[in-house]
């Protein structure tokens, strides 16, 4: 194919990351993220986070 650069799978991207992450690493990270969300909901942190977010939003627009 003319005009296209050859891609080396071992090369890093411009931002320094490697796109070839194993599938199981992705699945493990998603499971850990979901577990952290469930733990936060179990500890009733959801209301705290929403309250803080609302207060910051109100301060930004000048109401609070």
PDB file of N, CA and C in Angstrom:
ATOM      1  N   UNK A   1       0.845  -1.177   0.000  1.00  0.00           N
ATOM      2  CA  UNK A   1       0.000   0.000   0.000  1.00  0.00           C
ATOM      3  C   UNK A   1       0.890   1.239   0.000  1.00  0.00           C
ATOM      4  N   UNK A   2       0.741   2.004  -0.998  1.00  0.00           N
ATOM      5  CA  UNK A   2       1.595   3.180  -1.159  1.00  0.00           C
ATOM      6  C   UNK A   2       1.182   4.288  -0.198  1.00  0.00           C
ATOM      7  N   UNK A   3       2.165   4.952   0.355  1.00  0.00           N
ATOM      8  CA  UNK A   3       1.912   6.112   1.199  1.00  0.00           C
ATOM      9  C   UNK A   3       1.680   5.798   2.660  1.00  0.00           C
ATOM     10  N   UNK A   4       1.533   4.544   3.016  1.00  0.00           N
ATOM     11  CA  UNK A   4       1.303   4.193   4.421  1.00  0.00           C
ATOM     12  C   UNK A   4       2.609   3.754   5.051  1.00  0.00           C
ATOM     13  N   UNK A   5       2.810   4.173   6.297  1.00  0.00           N
ATOM     14  CA  UNK A   5       4.018   3.792   7.019  1.00  0.00           C
ATOM     15  C   UNK A   5       3.858   2.378   7.563  1.00  0.00           C
ATOM     16  N   UNK A   6       4.960   1.680   7.652  1.00  0.00           N
ATOM     17  CA  UNK A   6       4.955   0.337   8.221  1.00  0.00           C
ATOM     18  C   UNK A   6       4.770   0.441   9.732  1.00  0.00           C
ATOM     19  N   UNK A   7       3.904  -0.385  10.307  1.00  0.00           N
ATOM     20  CA  UNK A   7       3.627  -0.344  11.733  1.00  0.00           C
ATOM     21  C   UNK A   7       4.363  -1.487  12.416  1.00  0.00           C
ATOM     22  N   UNK A   8       5.136  -1.129  13.422  1.00  0.00           N
ATOM     23  CA  UNK A   8       5.847  -2.118  14.206  1.00  0.00           C
ATOM     24  C   UNK A   8       5.067  -2.336  15.501  1.00  0.00           C
ATOM     25  N   UNK A   9       4.673  -3.591  15.790  1.00  0.00           N
ATOM     26  CA  UNK A   9       3.843  -3.872  16.963  1.00  0.00           C
ATOM     27  C   UNK A   9       4.553  -3.564  18.275  1.00  0.00           C
ATOM     28  N   UNK A  10       5.868  -3.564  18.279  1.00  0.00           N
ATOM     29  CA  UNK A  10       6.616  -3.295  19.504  1.00  0.00           C
ATOM     30  C   UNK A  10       6.856  -1.810  19.740  1.00  0.00           C
ATOM     31  N   UNK A  11       6.460  -0.973  18.793  1.00  0.00           N
ATOM     32  CA  UNK A  11       6.662   0.466  18.920  1.00  0.00           C
ATOM     33  C   UNK A  11       5.651   1.071  19.875  1.00  0.00           C
ATOM     34  N   UNK A  12       6.062   2.097  20.586  1.00  0.00           N
ATOM     35  CA  UNK A  12       5.141   2.814  21.459  1.00  0.00           C
ATOM     36  C   UNK A  12       4.430   3.899  20.677  1.00  0.00           C
ATOM     37  N   UNK A  13       3.244   4.282  21.152  1.00  0.00           N
ATOM     38  CA  UNK A  13       2.500   5.370  20.524  1.00  0.00           C
ATOM     39  C   UNK A  13       3.175   6.699  20.820  1.00  0.00           C
ATOM     40  N   UNK A  14       2.635   7.761  20.253  1.00  0.00           N
ATOM     41  CA  UNK A  14       3.197   9.096  20.476  1.00  0.00           C
ATOM     42  C   UNK A  14       3.139   9.490  21.949  1.00  0.00           C
ATOM     43  N   UNK A  15       2.105   9.025  22.672  1.00  0.00           N
ATOM     44  CA  UNK A  15       1.985   9.381  24.084  1.00  0.00           C
ATOM     45  C   UNK A  15       2.765   8.433  24.990  1.00  0.00           C
ATOM     46  N   UNK A  16       3.491   7.480  24.412  1.00  0.00           N
ATOM     47  CA  UNK A  16       4.348   6.609  25.190  1.00  0.00           C
ATOM     48  C   UNK A  16       3.686   5.341  25.687  1.00  0.00           C
ATOM     49  N   UNK A  17       2.453   5.079  25.270  1.00  0.00           N
ATOM     50  CA  UNK A  17       1.777   3.870  25.735  1.00  0.00           C
ATOM     51  C   UNK A  17       1.840   2.785  24.669  1.00  0.00           C
ATOM     52  N   UNK A  18       1.660   1.573  25.108  1.00  0.00           N
ATOM     53  CA  UNK A  18       1.668   0.448  24.196  1.00  0.00           C
ATOM     54  C   UNK A  18       0.232  -0.036  24.040  1.00  0.00           C
ATOM     55  N   UNK A  19      -0.269  -0.092  22.824  1.00  0.00           N
ATOM     56  CA  UNK A  19      -1.662  -0.466  22.593  1.00  0.00           C
ATOM     57  C   UNK A  19      -1.901  -1.956  22.803  1.00  0.00           C
ATOM     58  N   UNK A  20      -0.873  -2.753  22.805  1.00  0.00           N
ATOM     59  CA  UNK A  20      -1.029  -4.198  22.875  1.00  0.00           C
ATOM     60  C   UNK A  20      -1.137  -4.678  24.311  1.00  0.00           C
ATOM     61  N   UNK A  21      -2.193  -4.230  24.990  1.00  0.00           N
ATOM     62  CA  UNK A  21      -2.438  -4.648  26.366  1.00  0.00           C
ATOM     63  C   UNK A  21      -3.189  -5.976  26.310  1.00  0.00           C
ATOM     64  N   UNK A  22      -2.752  -6.970  27.080  1.00  0.00           N
ATOM     65  CA  UNK A  22      -3.462  -8.255  27.070  1.00  0.00           C
ATOM     66  C   UNK A  22      -4.923  -8.088  27.500  1.00  0.00           C
ATOM     67  N   UNK A  23      -5.767  -8.928  26.937  1.00  0.00           N
ATOM     68  CA  UNK A  23      -7.203  -8.862  27.192  1.00  0.00           C
ATOM     69  C   UNK A  23      -7.518  -9.057  28.676  1.00  0.00           C
ATOM     70  N   UNK A  24      -6.823  -9.993  29.331  1.00  0.00           N
ATOM     71  CA  UNK A  24      -7.129 -10.277  30.732  1.00  0.00           C
ATOM     72  C   UNK A  24      -6.812  -9.093  31.633  1.00  0.00           C
ATOM     73  N   UNK A  25      -5.840  -8.259  31.258  1.00  0.00           N
ATOM     74  CA  UNK A  25      -5.529  -7.066  32.055  1.00  0.00           C
ATOM     75  C   UNK A  25      -6.702  -6.086  31.999  1.00  0.00           C
ATOM     76  N   UNK A  26      -7.276  -5.929  30.826  1.00  0.00           N
ATOM     77  CA  UNK A  26      -8.436  -5.056  30.661  1.00  0.00           C
ATOM     78  C   UNK A  26      -9.607  -5.556  31.489  1.00  0.00           C
ATOM     79  N   UNK A  27      -9.856  -6.863  31.435  1.00  0.00           N
ATOM     80  CA  UNK A  27     -10.970  -7.445  32.188  1.00  0.00           C
ATOM     81  C   UNK A  27     -10.748  -7.281  33.689  1.00  0.00           C
ATOM     82  N   UNK A  28      -9.543  -7.509  34.161  1.00  0.00           N
ATOM     83  CA  UNK A  28      -9.242  -7.362  35.593  1.00  0.00           C
ATOM     84  C   UNK A  28      -9.440  -5.919  36.041  1.00  0.00           C
ATOM     85  N   UNK A  29      -9.000  -4.960  35.235  1.00  0.00           N
ATOM     86  CA  UNK A  29      -9.169  -3.552  35.606  1.00  0.00           C
ATOM     87  C   UNK A  29     -10.641  -3.151  35.650  1.00  0.00           C
ATOM     88  N   UNK A  30     -11.432  -3.664  34.721  1.00  0.00           N
ATOM     89  CA  UNK A  30     -12.869  -3.365  34.724  1.00  0.00           C
ATOM     90  C   UNK A  30     -13.529  -3.965  35.962  1.00  0.00           C
ATOM     91  N   UNK A  31     -13.157  -5.199  36.312  1.00  0.00           N
ATOM     92  CA  UNK A  31     -13.720  -5.841  37.504  1.00  0.00           C
ATOM     93  C   UNK A  31     -13.335  -5.063  38.761  1.00  0.00           C
ATOM     94  N   UNK A  32     -12.087  -4.616  38.854  1.00  0.00           N
ATOM     95  CA  UNK A  32     -11.658  -3.824  40.015  1.00  0.00           C
ATOM     96  C   UNK A  32     -12.410  -2.499  40.100  1.00  0.00           C
ATOM     97  N   UNK A  33     -12.636  -1.858  38.964  1.00  0.00           N
ATOM     98  CA  UNK A  33     -13.371  -0.590  38.953  1.00  0.00           C
ATOM     99  C   UNK A  33     -14.813  -0.796  39.425  1.00  0.00           C
ATOM    100  N   UNK A  34     -15.446  -1.860  38.948  1.00  0.00           N
ATOM    101  CA  UNK A  34     -16.817  -2.145  39.375  1.00  0.00           C
ATOM    102  C   UNK A  34     -16.872  -2.487  40.862  1.00  0.00           C
ATOM    103  N   UNK A  35     -15.869  -3.214  41.344  1.00  0.00           N
ATOM    104  CA  UNK A  35     -15.819  -3.544  42.773  1.00  0.00           C
ATOM    105  C   UNK A  35     -15.655  -2.281  43.608  1.00  0.00           C
ATOM    106  N   UNK A  36     -14.838  -1.341  43.142  1.00  0.00           N
ATOM    107  CA  UNK A  36     -14.663  -0.082  43.868  1.00  0.00           C
ATOM    108  C   UNK A  36     -15.964   0.721  43.894  1.00  0.00           C
ATOM    109  N   UNK A  37     -16.704   0.703  42.790  1.00  0.00           N
ATOM    110  CA  UNK A  37     -18.000   1.401  42.755  1.00  0.00           C
ATOM    111  C   UNK A  37     -18.986   0.768  43.726  1.00  0.00           C
ATOM    112  N   UNK A  38     -19.056  -0.557  43.735  1.00  0.00           N
ATOM    113  CA  UNK A  38     -19.970  -1.256  44.639  1.00  0.00           C
ATOM    114  C   UNK A  38     -19.584  -0.988  46.094  1.00  0.00           C
ATOM    115  N   UNK A  39     -18.298  -0.999  46.397  1.00  0.00           N
ATOM    116  CA  UNK A  39     -17.845  -0.725  47.757  1.00  0.00           C
ATOM    117  C   UNK A  39     -18.215   0.693  48.186  1.00  0.00           C
ATOM    118  N   UNK A  40     -18.075   1.657  47.281  1.00  0.00           N
ATOM    119  CA  UNK A  40     -18.456   3.033  47.594  1.00  0.00           C
ATOM    120  C   UNK A  40     -19.943   3.181  47.842  1.00  0.00           C
ATOM    121  N   UNK A  41     -20.737   2.470  47.047  1.00  0.00           N
ATOM    122  CA  UNK A  41     -22.189   2.511  47.248  1.00  0.00           C
ATOM    123  C   UNK A  41     -22.552   1.842  48.574  1.00  0.00           C
ATOM    124  N   UNK A  42     -21.873   0.739  48.899  1.00  0.00           N
ATOM    125  CA  UNK A  42     -22.115   0.032  50.159  1.00  0.00           C
ATOM    126  C   UNK A  42     -21.813   0.928  51.358  1.00  0.00           C
ATOM    127  N   UNK A  43     -20.766   1.744  51.249  1.00  0.00           N
ATOM    128  CA  UNK A  43     -20.405   2.649  52.353  1.00  0.00           C
ATOM    129  C   UNK A  43     -21.208   3.943  52.335  1.00  0.00           C
ATOM    130  N   UNK A  44     -22.147   4.053  51.417  1.00  0.00           N
ATOM    131  CA  UNK A  44     -23.009   5.233  51.260  1.00  0.00           C
ATOM    132  C   UNK A  44     -22.212   6.493  50.946  1.00  0.00           C
ATOM    133  N   UNK A  45     -21.174   6.331  50.147  1.00  0.00           N
ATOM    134  CA  UNK A  45     -20.355   7.462  49.720  1.00  0.00           C
ATOM    135  C   UNK A  45     -20.986   8.189  48.535  1.00  0.00           C
ATOM    136  N   UNK A  46     -21.964   7.572  47.892  1.00  0.00           N
ATOM    137  CA  UNK A  46     -22.572   8.151  46.710  1.00  0.00           C
ATOM    138  C   UNK A  46     -23.232   9.502  47.028  1.00  0.00           C
ATOM    139  N   UNK A  47     -23.929   9.574  48.141  1.00  0.00           N
ATOM    140  CA  UNK A  47     -24.583  10.831  48.502  1.00  0.00           C
ATOM    141  C   UNK A  47     -23.555  11.911  48.825  1.00  0.00           C
ATOM    142  N   UNK A  48     -22.455  11.505  49.447  1.00  0.00           N
ATOM    143  CA  UNK A  48     -21.390  12.464  49.759  1.00  0.00           C
ATOM    144  C   UNK A  48     -20.788  13.040  48.484  1.00  0.00           C
ATOM    145  N   UNK A  49     -20.521  12.167  47.525  1.00  0.00           N
ATOM    146  CA  UNK A  49     -19.925  12.615  46.260  1.00  0.00           C
ATOM    147  C   UNK A  49     -20.885  13.546  45.519  1.00  0.00           C
ATOM    148  N   UNK A  50     -22.160  13.176  45.455  1.00  0.00           N
ATOM    149  CA  UNK A  50     -23.123  14.031  44.754  1.00  0.00           C
ATOM    150  C   UNK A  50     -23.300  15.374  45.450  1.00  0.00           C
ATOM    151  N   UNK A  51     -23.283  15.394  46.779  1.00  0.00           N
ATOM    152  CA  UNK A  51     -23.401  16.648  47.520  1.00  0.00           C
ATOM    153  C   UNK A  51     -22.213  17.560  47.248  1.00  0.00           C
ATOM    154  N   UNK A  52     -21.016  16.990  47.292  1.00  0.00           N
ATOM    155  CA  UNK A  52     -19.821  17.790  47.012  1.00  0.00           C
ATOM    156  C   UNK A  52     -19.815  18.297  45.575  1.00  0.00           C
ATOM    157  N   UNK A  53     -20.234  17.454  44.633  1.00  0.00           N
ATOM    158  CA  UNK A  53     -20.275  17.869  43.233  1.00  0.00           C
ATOM    159  C   UNK A  53     -21.276  19.011  43.032  1.00  0.00           C
ATOM    160  N   UNK A  54     -22.419  18.919  43.677  1.00  0.00           N
ATOM    161  CA  UNK A  54     -23.431  19.977  43.552  1.00  0.00           C
ATOM    162  C   UNK A  54     -22.912  21.280  44.159  1.00  0.00           C
ATOM    163  N   UNK A  55     -22.250  21.194  45.311  1.00  0.00           N
ATOM    164  CA  UNK A  55     -21.706  22.398  45.948  1.00  0.00           C
ATOM    165  C   UNK A  55     -20.640  23.054  45.070  1.00  0.00           C
ATOM    166  N   UNK A  56     -19.755  22.254  44.497  1.00  0.00           N
ATOM    167  CA  UNK A  56     -18.720  22.819  43.624  1.00  0.00           C
ATOM    168  C   UNK A  56     -19.355  23.453  42.401  1.00  0.00           C
ATOM    169  N   UNK A  57     -20.373  22.808  41.844  1.00  0.00           N
ATOM    170  CA  UNK A  57     -21.043  23.358  40.658  1.00  0.00           C
ATOM    171  C   UNK A  57     -21.712  24.693  40.984  1.00  0.00           C
ATOM    172  N   UNK A  58     -22.367  24.732  42.128  1.00  0.00           N
ATOM    173  CA  UNK A  58     -23.039  25.975  42.527  1.00  0.00           C
ATOM    174  C   UNK A  58     -22.025  27.096  42.770  1.00  0.00           C
ATOM    175  N   UNK A  59     -20.861  26.757  43.318  1.00  0.00           N
ATOM    176  CA  UNK A  59     -19.839  27.768  43.541  1.00  0.00           C
ATOM    177  C   UNK A  59     -19.280  28.291  42.223  1.00  0.00           C
ATOM    178  N   UNK A  60     -19.170  27.399  41.242  1.00  0.00           N
ATOM    179  CA  UNK A  60     -18.615  27.817  39.951  1.00  0.00           C
ATOM    180  C   UNK A  60     -19.519  28.806  39.230  1.00  0.00           C
ATOM    181  N   UNK A  61     -20.835  28.607  39.335  1.00  0.00           N
ATOM    182  CA  UNK A  61     -21.735  29.512  38.633  1.00  0.00           C
ATOM    183  C   UNK A  61     -22.154  30.693  39.511  1.00  0.00           C
ATOM    184  N   UNK A  62     -21.676  30.705  40.745  1.00  0.00           N
ATOM    185  CA  UNK A  62     -21.892  31.872  41.592  1.00  0.00           C
ATOM    186  C   UNK A  62     -23.148  31.856  42.416  1.00  0.00           C
ATOM    187  N   UNK A  63     -23.815  30.744  42.545  1.00  0.00           N
ATOM    188  CA  UNK A  63     -25.041  30.690  43.345  1.00  0.00           C
ATOM    189  C   UNK A  63     -24.732  30.341  44.805  1.00  0.00           C
ATOM    190  N   UNK A  64     -23.832  29.380  45.008  1.00  0.00           N
ATOM    191  CA  UNK A  64     -23.597  28.861  46.356  1.00  0.00           C
ATOM    192  C   UNK A  64     -22.544  29.560  47.052  1.00  0.00           C
TER     193      UNK A  64
END
